[in-house]
């Protein structure tokens, strides 16, 4: 179950999401691999769920490992998913 305020990292392949899961768990981060909600379009059907308090650690780890997700969504109080980060925006920012 996804609670309000939790984040979902969505990837373009099952291989990448499972590799990201292994890396994040090795770092001791509290994440969970889950089926992606129907409201979110994903090629692989899986997502990594985590709490907002480890957002920076998750993104930094995935950046270092070159395993960035396609999108990161946050579930809001109306049970909708708003995009809070995208690989496309990150790449175009030149960071």
C-alpha atoms as a PDB file:
ATOM      1  CA  UNK A   1       0.000   0.000   0.000  1.00  0.00           C
ATOM      2  CA  UNK A   2       1.199   3.467  -0.862  1.00  0.00           C
ATOM      3  CA  UNK A   3       0.549   6.169   1.698  1.00  0.00           C
ATOM      4  CA  UNK A   4       0.198   9.893   1.150  1.00  0.00           C
ATOM      5  CA  UNK A   5       3.570  11.590   0.785  1.00  0.00           C
ATOM      6  CA  UNK A   6       5.427   8.435  -0.214  1.00  0.00           C
ATOM      7  CA  UNK A   7       7.508   8.437  -3.372  1.00  0.00           C
ATOM      8  CA  UNK A   8       7.660   6.007  -6.272  1.00  0.00           C
ATOM      9  CA  UNK A   9      10.682   5.665  -8.538  1.00  0.00           C
ATOM     10  CA  UNK A  10       9.588   4.337 -11.942  1.00  0.00           C
ATOM     11  CA  UNK A  11      12.035   2.728 -14.373  1.00  0.00           C
ATOM     12  CA  UNK A  12      11.894   1.721 -18.033  1.00  0.00           C
ATOM     13  CA  UNK A  13      12.825  -1.941 -17.512  1.00  0.00           C
ATOM     14  CA  UNK A  14      12.432  -4.691 -14.954  1.00  0.00           C
ATOM     15  CA  UNK A  15      16.184  -5.313 -15.048  1.00  0.00           C
ATOM     16  CA  UNK A  16      16.995  -1.707 -14.072  1.00  0.00           C
ATOM     17  CA  UNK A  17      14.419  -1.526 -11.287  1.00  0.00           C
ATOM     18  CA  UNK A  18      15.630  -4.796  -9.757  1.00  0.00           C
ATOM     19  CA  UNK A  19      19.261  -3.672  -9.990  1.00  0.00           C
ATOM     20  CA  UNK A  20      18.320  -0.357  -8.349  1.00  0.00           C
ATOM     21  CA  UNK A  21      16.475  -2.251  -5.606  1.00  0.00           C
ATOM     22  CA  UNK A  22      19.595  -4.334  -4.862  1.00  0.00           C
ATOM     23  CA  UNK A  23      21.858  -1.267  -4.764  1.00  0.00           C
ATOM     24  CA  UNK A  24      19.531   0.709  -2.486  1.00  0.00           C
ATOM     25  CA  UNK A  25      19.042  -2.212  -0.102  1.00  0.00           C
ATOM     26  CA  UNK A  26      22.809  -2.797   0.061  1.00  0.00           C
ATOM     27  CA  UNK A  27      23.114   0.825   1.205  1.00  0.00           C
ATOM     28  CA  UNK A  28      20.596   0.118   3.977  1.00  0.00           C
ATOM     29  CA  UNK A  29      17.881   2.378   2.597  1.00  0.00           C
ATOM     30  CA  UNK A  30      14.300   1.526   3.530  1.00  0.00           C
ATOM     31  CA  UNK A  31      12.751   0.876   0.123  1.00  0.00           C
ATOM     32  CA  UNK A  32      10.290  -1.668  -1.239  1.00  0.00           C
ATOM     33  CA  UNK A  33       9.848  -3.025  -4.766  1.00  0.00           C
ATOM     34  CA  UNK A  34       6.119  -2.979  -5.590  1.00  0.00           C
ATOM     35  CA  UNK A  35       3.807  -3.334  -8.577  1.00  0.00           C
ATOM     36  CA  UNK A  36       3.339   0.123 -10.090  1.00  0.00           C
ATOM     37  CA  UNK A  37      -0.127   1.590  -9.526  1.00  0.00           C
ATOM     38  CA  UNK A  38      -2.393   1.618 -12.572  1.00  0.00           C
ATOM     39  CA  UNK A  39      -2.480   5.410 -12.442  1.00  0.00           C
ATOM     40  CA  UNK A  40       1.227   5.493 -13.343  1.00  0.00           C
ATOM     41  CA  UNK A  41       2.402   4.459 -16.771  1.00  0.00           C
ATOM     42  CA  UNK A  42       5.482   2.258 -16.654  1.00  0.00           C
ATOM     43  CA  UNK A  43       7.063  -0.091 -19.155  1.00  0.00           C
ATOM     44  CA  UNK A  44       8.092  -2.690 -16.597  1.00  0.00           C
ATOM     45  CA  UNK A  45       5.116  -2.620 -14.228  1.00  0.00           C
ATOM     46  CA  UNK A  46       7.285  -2.185 -11.120  1.00  0.00           C
ATOM     47  CA  UNK A  47       8.282   0.752  -8.927  1.00  0.00           C
ATOM     48  CA  UNK A  48      10.405   1.406  -5.871  1.00  0.00           C
ATOM     49  CA  UNK A  49       8.469   2.885  -2.950  1.00  0.00           C
ATOM     50  CA  UNK A  50      10.146   4.939  -0.232  1.00  0.00           C
ATOM     51  CA  UNK A  51       9.513   7.754   2.213  1.00  0.00           C
ATOM     52  CA  UNK A  52      10.287  11.394   1.519  1.00  0.00           C
ATOM     53  CA  UNK A  53      12.896  11.570   4.287  1.00  0.00           C
ATOM     54  CA  UNK A  54      15.339   9.460   2.223  1.00  0.00           C
ATOM     55  CA  UNK A  55      14.602  11.131  -1.140  1.00  0.00           C
ATOM     56  CA  UNK A  56      18.029  12.778  -1.374  1.00  0.00           C
ATOM     57  CA  UNK A  57      19.867   9.578  -0.401  1.00  0.00           C
ATOM     58  CA  UNK A  58      17.950   7.506  -2.949  1.00  0.00           C
ATOM     59  CA  UNK A  59      18.518   9.998  -5.776  1.00  0.00           C
ATOM     60  CA  UNK A  60      22.206  10.448  -4.919  1.00  0.00           C
ATOM     61  CA  UNK A  61      22.770   6.676  -4.795  1.00  0.00           C
ATOM     62  CA  UNK A  62      20.980   6.078  -8.087  1.00  0.00           C
ATOM     63  CA  UNK A  63      22.905   8.934  -9.716  1.00  0.00           C
ATOM     64  CA  UNK A  64      26.235   7.543  -8.528  1.00  0.00           C
ATOM     65  CA  UNK A  65      25.329   4.065  -9.778  1.00  0.00           C
ATOM     66  CA  UNK A  66      24.033   5.443 -13.112  1.00  0.00           C
ATOM     67  CA  UNK A  67      20.627   3.870 -12.425  1.00  0.00           C
ATOM     68  CA  UNK A  68      18.385   6.917 -12.568  1.00  0.00           C
ATOM     69  CA  UNK A  69      14.671   6.216 -12.842  1.00  0.00           C
ATOM     70  CA  UNK A  70      12.548   7.674 -15.618  1.00  0.00           C
ATOM     71  CA  UNK A  71      10.276   9.442 -13.122  1.00  0.00           C
ATOM     72  CA  UNK A  72       9.725   9.922  -9.414  1.00  0.00           C
ATOM     73  CA  UNK A  73       6.131  10.456  -8.291  1.00  0.00           C
ATOM     74  CA  UNK A  74       4.660  11.523  -4.947  1.00  0.00           C
ATOM     75  CA  UNK A  75       1.253  10.386  -3.800  1.00  0.00           C
ATOM     76  CA  UNK A  76      -0.701  13.400  -2.587  1.00  0.00           C
ATOM     77  CA  UNK A  77      -3.588  13.673  -0.135  1.00  0.00           C
ATOM     78  CA  UNK A  78      -6.160  13.160  -2.891  1.00  0.00           C
ATOM     79  CA  UNK A  79      -4.547   9.800  -3.784  1.00  0.00           C
ATOM     80  CA  UNK A  80      -3.184  11.187  -7.040  1.00  0.00           C
ATOM     81  CA  UNK A  81       0.407  10.831  -8.190  1.00  0.00           C
ATOM     82  CA  UNK A  82       2.278  13.992  -9.061  1.00  0.00           C
ATOM     83  CA  UNK A  83       5.643  13.860 -10.822  1.00  0.00           C
ATOM     84  CA  UNK A  84       8.370  15.454  -8.685  1.00  0.00           C
ATOM     85  CA  UNK A  85      11.410  14.497 -10.783  1.00  0.00           C
ATOM     86  CA  UNK A  86      12.098  13.255 -14.302  1.00  0.00           C
ATOM     87  CA  UNK A  87      15.245  12.005 -16.009  1.00  0.00           C
ATOM     88  CA  UNK A  88      14.475  14.177 -19.016  1.00  0.00           C
ATOM     89  CA  UNK A  89      14.422  17.363 -16.930  1.00  0.00           C
ATOM     90  CA  UNK A  90      17.573  16.266 -15.100  1.00  0.00           C
ATOM     91  CA  UNK A  91      19.465  15.661 -18.344  1.00  0.00           C
ATOM     92  CA  UNK A  92      18.367  18.963 -19.874  1.00  0.00           C
ATOM     93  CA  UNK A  93      19.496  20.864 -16.769  1.00  0.00           C
ATOM     94  CA  UNK A  94      23.095  19.921 -17.545  1.00  0.00           C
ATOM     95  CA  UNK A  95      23.849  18.761 -14.017  1.00  0.00           C
END
